[in-house]
C-alpha atoms as a PDB file:
ATOM      1  CA  GLU A   1      15.458  -6.630   0.226  1.00  0.00           C
ATOM      2  CA  TYR A   2      13.164  -5.807   3.111  1.00  0.00           C
ATOM      3  CA  VAL A   3      12.578  -2.164   2.734  1.00  0.00           C
ATOM      4  CA  TYR A   4       9.173  -3.391   1.437  1.00  0.00           C
ATOM      5  CA  LEU A   5       8.089  -3.409   5.284  1.00  0.00           C
ATOM      6  CA  ASN A   6       9.861   0.030   5.986  1.00  0.00           C
ATOM      7  CA  ALA A   7       6.950   1.692   7.926  1.00  0.00           C
ATOM      8  CA  ARG A   8       4.962   4.167   6.075  1.00  0.00           C
ATOM      9  CA  ALA A   9       6.703   7.691   5.194  1.00  0.00           C
ATOM     10  CA  PHE A  10       4.814  10.924   6.788  1.00  0.00           C
ATOM     11  CA  GLY A  11       7.315  13.407   4.660  1.00  0.00           C
ATOM     12  CA  SER A  12       6.813  16.587   6.991  1.00  0.00           C
ATOM     13  CA  TYR A  13       4.349  14.795   9.386  1.00  0.00           C
ATOM     14  CA  GLU A  14       7.810  13.008  10.582  1.00  0.00           C
ATOM     15  CA  ASN A  15       8.288  13.287  14.229  1.00  0.00           C
ATOM     16  CA  GLN A  16       5.195  15.116  14.582  1.00  0.00           C
ATOM     17  CA  PRO A  17       2.824  14.940  17.549  1.00  0.00           C
ATOM     18  CA  ILE A  18       0.441  12.068  16.644  1.00  0.00           C
ATOM     19  CA  SER A  19      -2.182  14.763  16.408  1.00  0.00           C
ATOM     20  CA  LYS A  20      -0.575  16.075  13.428  1.00  0.00           C
ATOM     21  CA  VAL A  21      -0.234  12.624  11.656  1.00  0.00           C
ATOM     22  CA  ALA A  22      -4.131  12.395  12.286  1.00  0.00           C
ATOM     23  CA  GLU A  23      -4.506  15.003   9.557  1.00  0.00           C
ATOM     24  CA  VAL A  24      -2.897  12.498   7.128  1.00  0.00           C
ATOM     25  CA  TYR A  25      -5.114   9.397   8.059  1.00  0.00           C
ATOM     26  CA  ALA A  26      -7.967  12.120   7.371  1.00  0.00           C
ATOM     27  CA  GLN A  27      -6.616  12.835   3.946  1.00  0.00           C
ATOM     28  CA  ASP A  28      -6.248   9.411   3.352  1.00  0.00           C
ATOM     29  CA  SER A  29     -10.046   8.456   3.747  1.00  0.00           C
ATOM     30  CA  LEU A  30     -10.909  10.978   1.009  1.00  0.00           C
ATOM     31  CA  ASP A  31      -8.539   9.682  -1.555  1.00  0.00           C
ATOM     32  CA  PRO A  32      -5.785   6.878  -1.217  1.00  0.00           C
ATOM     33  CA  SER A  33      -3.320   8.213  -3.854  1.00  0.00           C
ATOM     34  CA  ILE A  34      -3.086  11.876  -1.572  1.00  0.00           C
ATOM     35  CA  ARG A  35       0.921  11.918  -0.317  1.00  0.00           C
ATOM     36  CA  PRO A  36       1.771  13.976   2.641  1.00  0.00           C
ATOM     37  CA  PRO A  37       3.799  17.140   1.880  1.00  0.00           C
ATOM     38  CA  ARG A  38       7.280  16.695   1.364  1.00  0.00           C
ATOM     39  CA  TYR A  39      10.301  17.588   3.935  1.00  0.00           C
ATOM     40  CA  THR A  40      12.391  20.084   3.115  1.00  0.00           C
ATOM     41  CA  ASP A  41      15.297  17.308   3.708  1.00  0.00           C
ATOM     42  CA  GLY A  42      14.130  15.140   1.375  1.00  0.00           C
ATOM     43  CA  THR A  43      12.259  12.699   4.155  1.00  0.00           C
ATOM     44  CA  PRO A  44      10.126  10.440   1.737  1.00  0.00           C
ATOM     45  CA  ASN A  45       6.100  10.813   1.278  1.00  0.00           C
ATOM     46  CA  GLU A  46       4.176   7.947   0.476  1.00  0.00           C
ATOM     47  CA  SER A  47       0.531   7.750  -0.168  1.00  0.00           C
ATOM     48  CA  VAL A  48      -1.991   4.820   0.950  1.00  0.00           C
ATOM     49  CA  LYS A  49      -1.337   3.491  -2.473  1.00  0.00           C
ATOM     50  CA  ASP A  50       2.297   3.776  -2.445  1.00  0.00           C
ATOM     51  CA  VAL A  51       2.415   1.632   0.642  1.00  0.00           C
ATOM     52  CA  PHE A  52      -0.024  -1.052  -1.289  1.00  0.00           C
ATOM     53  CA  VAL A  53       2.005  -1.300  -4.029  1.00  0.00           C
ATOM     54  CA  ARG A  54       5.244  -1.892  -2.130  1.00  0.00           C
ATOM     55  CA  GLY A  55       3.146  -4.256  -0.215  1.00  0.00           C
ATOM     56  CA  VAL A  56       2.030  -6.163  -3.077  1.00  0.00           C
ATOM     57  CA  GLN A  57       5.410  -6.223  -4.258  1.00  0.00           C
ATOM     58  CA  LEU A  58       6.800  -8.001  -1.385  1.00  0.00           C
ATOM     59  CA  ILE A  59       3.963 -10.744  -1.408  1.00  0.00           C
ATOM     60  CA  SER A  60       4.484 -11.493  -5.188  1.00  0.00           C
ATOM     61  CA  LYS A  61       8.193 -11.969  -4.208  1.00  0.00           C
ATOM     62  CA  LEU A  62       7.777 -13.713  -1.187  1.00  0.00           C
ATOM     63  CA  GLU A  63       4.936 -16.183  -3.048  1.00  0.00           C
ATOM     64  CA  ALA A  64       7.702 -16.941  -6.085  1.00  0.00           C
ATOM     65  CA  GLN A  65      10.454 -17.006  -3.702  1.00  0.00           C
ATOM     66  CA  TYR A  66       8.837 -19.525  -1.143  1.00  0.00           C
ATOM     67  CA  TYR A  67       6.312 -21.456  -2.875  1.00  0.00           C
ATOM     68  CA  GLY A  68       4.572 -23.677  -0.724  1.00  0.00           C
ATOM     69  CA  VAL A  69       5.945 -22.533   2.487  1.00  0.00           C
ATOM     70  CA  THR A  70       4.221 -20.554   5.263  1.00  0.00           C
ATOM     71  CA  VAL A  71       5.876 -17.188   5.918  1.00  0.00           C
ATOM     72  CA  ILE A  72       4.952 -14.941   9.068  1.00  0.00           C
ATOM     73  CA  LEU A  73       4.902 -11.191   8.602  1.00  0.00           C
ATOM     74  CA  VAL A  74       6.027  -8.887  10.879  1.00  0.00           C
ATOM     75  CA  ALA A  75       5.974  -5.140  10.249  1.00  0.00           C
ATOM     76  CA  PRO A  76       6.908  -2.304  12.081  1.00  0.00           C
ATOM     77  CA  ASP A  77       3.753  -0.857  12.140  1.00  0.00           C
ATOM     78  CA  SER A  78       0.333  -1.438  11.817  1.00  0.00           C
ATOM     79  CA  ASP A  79      -0.374   0.682   8.595  1.00  0.00           C
ATOM     80  CA  ASN A  80       1.679  -1.454   6.105  1.00  0.00           C
ATOM     81  CA  LEU A  81      -0.527  -4.308   7.390  1.00  0.00           C
ATOM     82  CA  SER A  82      -3.587  -2.686   7.286  1.00  0.00           C
ATOM     83  CA  ILE A  83      -3.263  -1.214   4.148  1.00  0.00           C
ATOM     84  CA  LEU A  84      -2.564  -4.791   2.696  1.00  0.00           C
ATOM     85  CA  GLN A  85      -5.762  -6.335   4.089  1.00  0.00           C
ATOM     86  CA  ALA A  86      -7.739  -3.471   3.392  1.00  0.00           C
ATOM     87  CA  GLY A  87      -6.740  -3.744  -0.526  1.00  0.00           C
END
């Protein structure tokens, strides 16, 4: 159920040096729907829009399930929360 908060999937950039991941962030600023290249082993690749939709789905689900209750979200990295805040 809480896969909604999984870290963003970077496809072929997974486990690469941070300098390589910076290339993905540069593409994000040009177009939030661009996905990093897929990797040959099937590692998922997500665009900023994909992560945003996943986050909105989580918020919607939590609002319905815990109406009137304060909920604190903790994410495994800052991308998810930053993308939600910017949206």
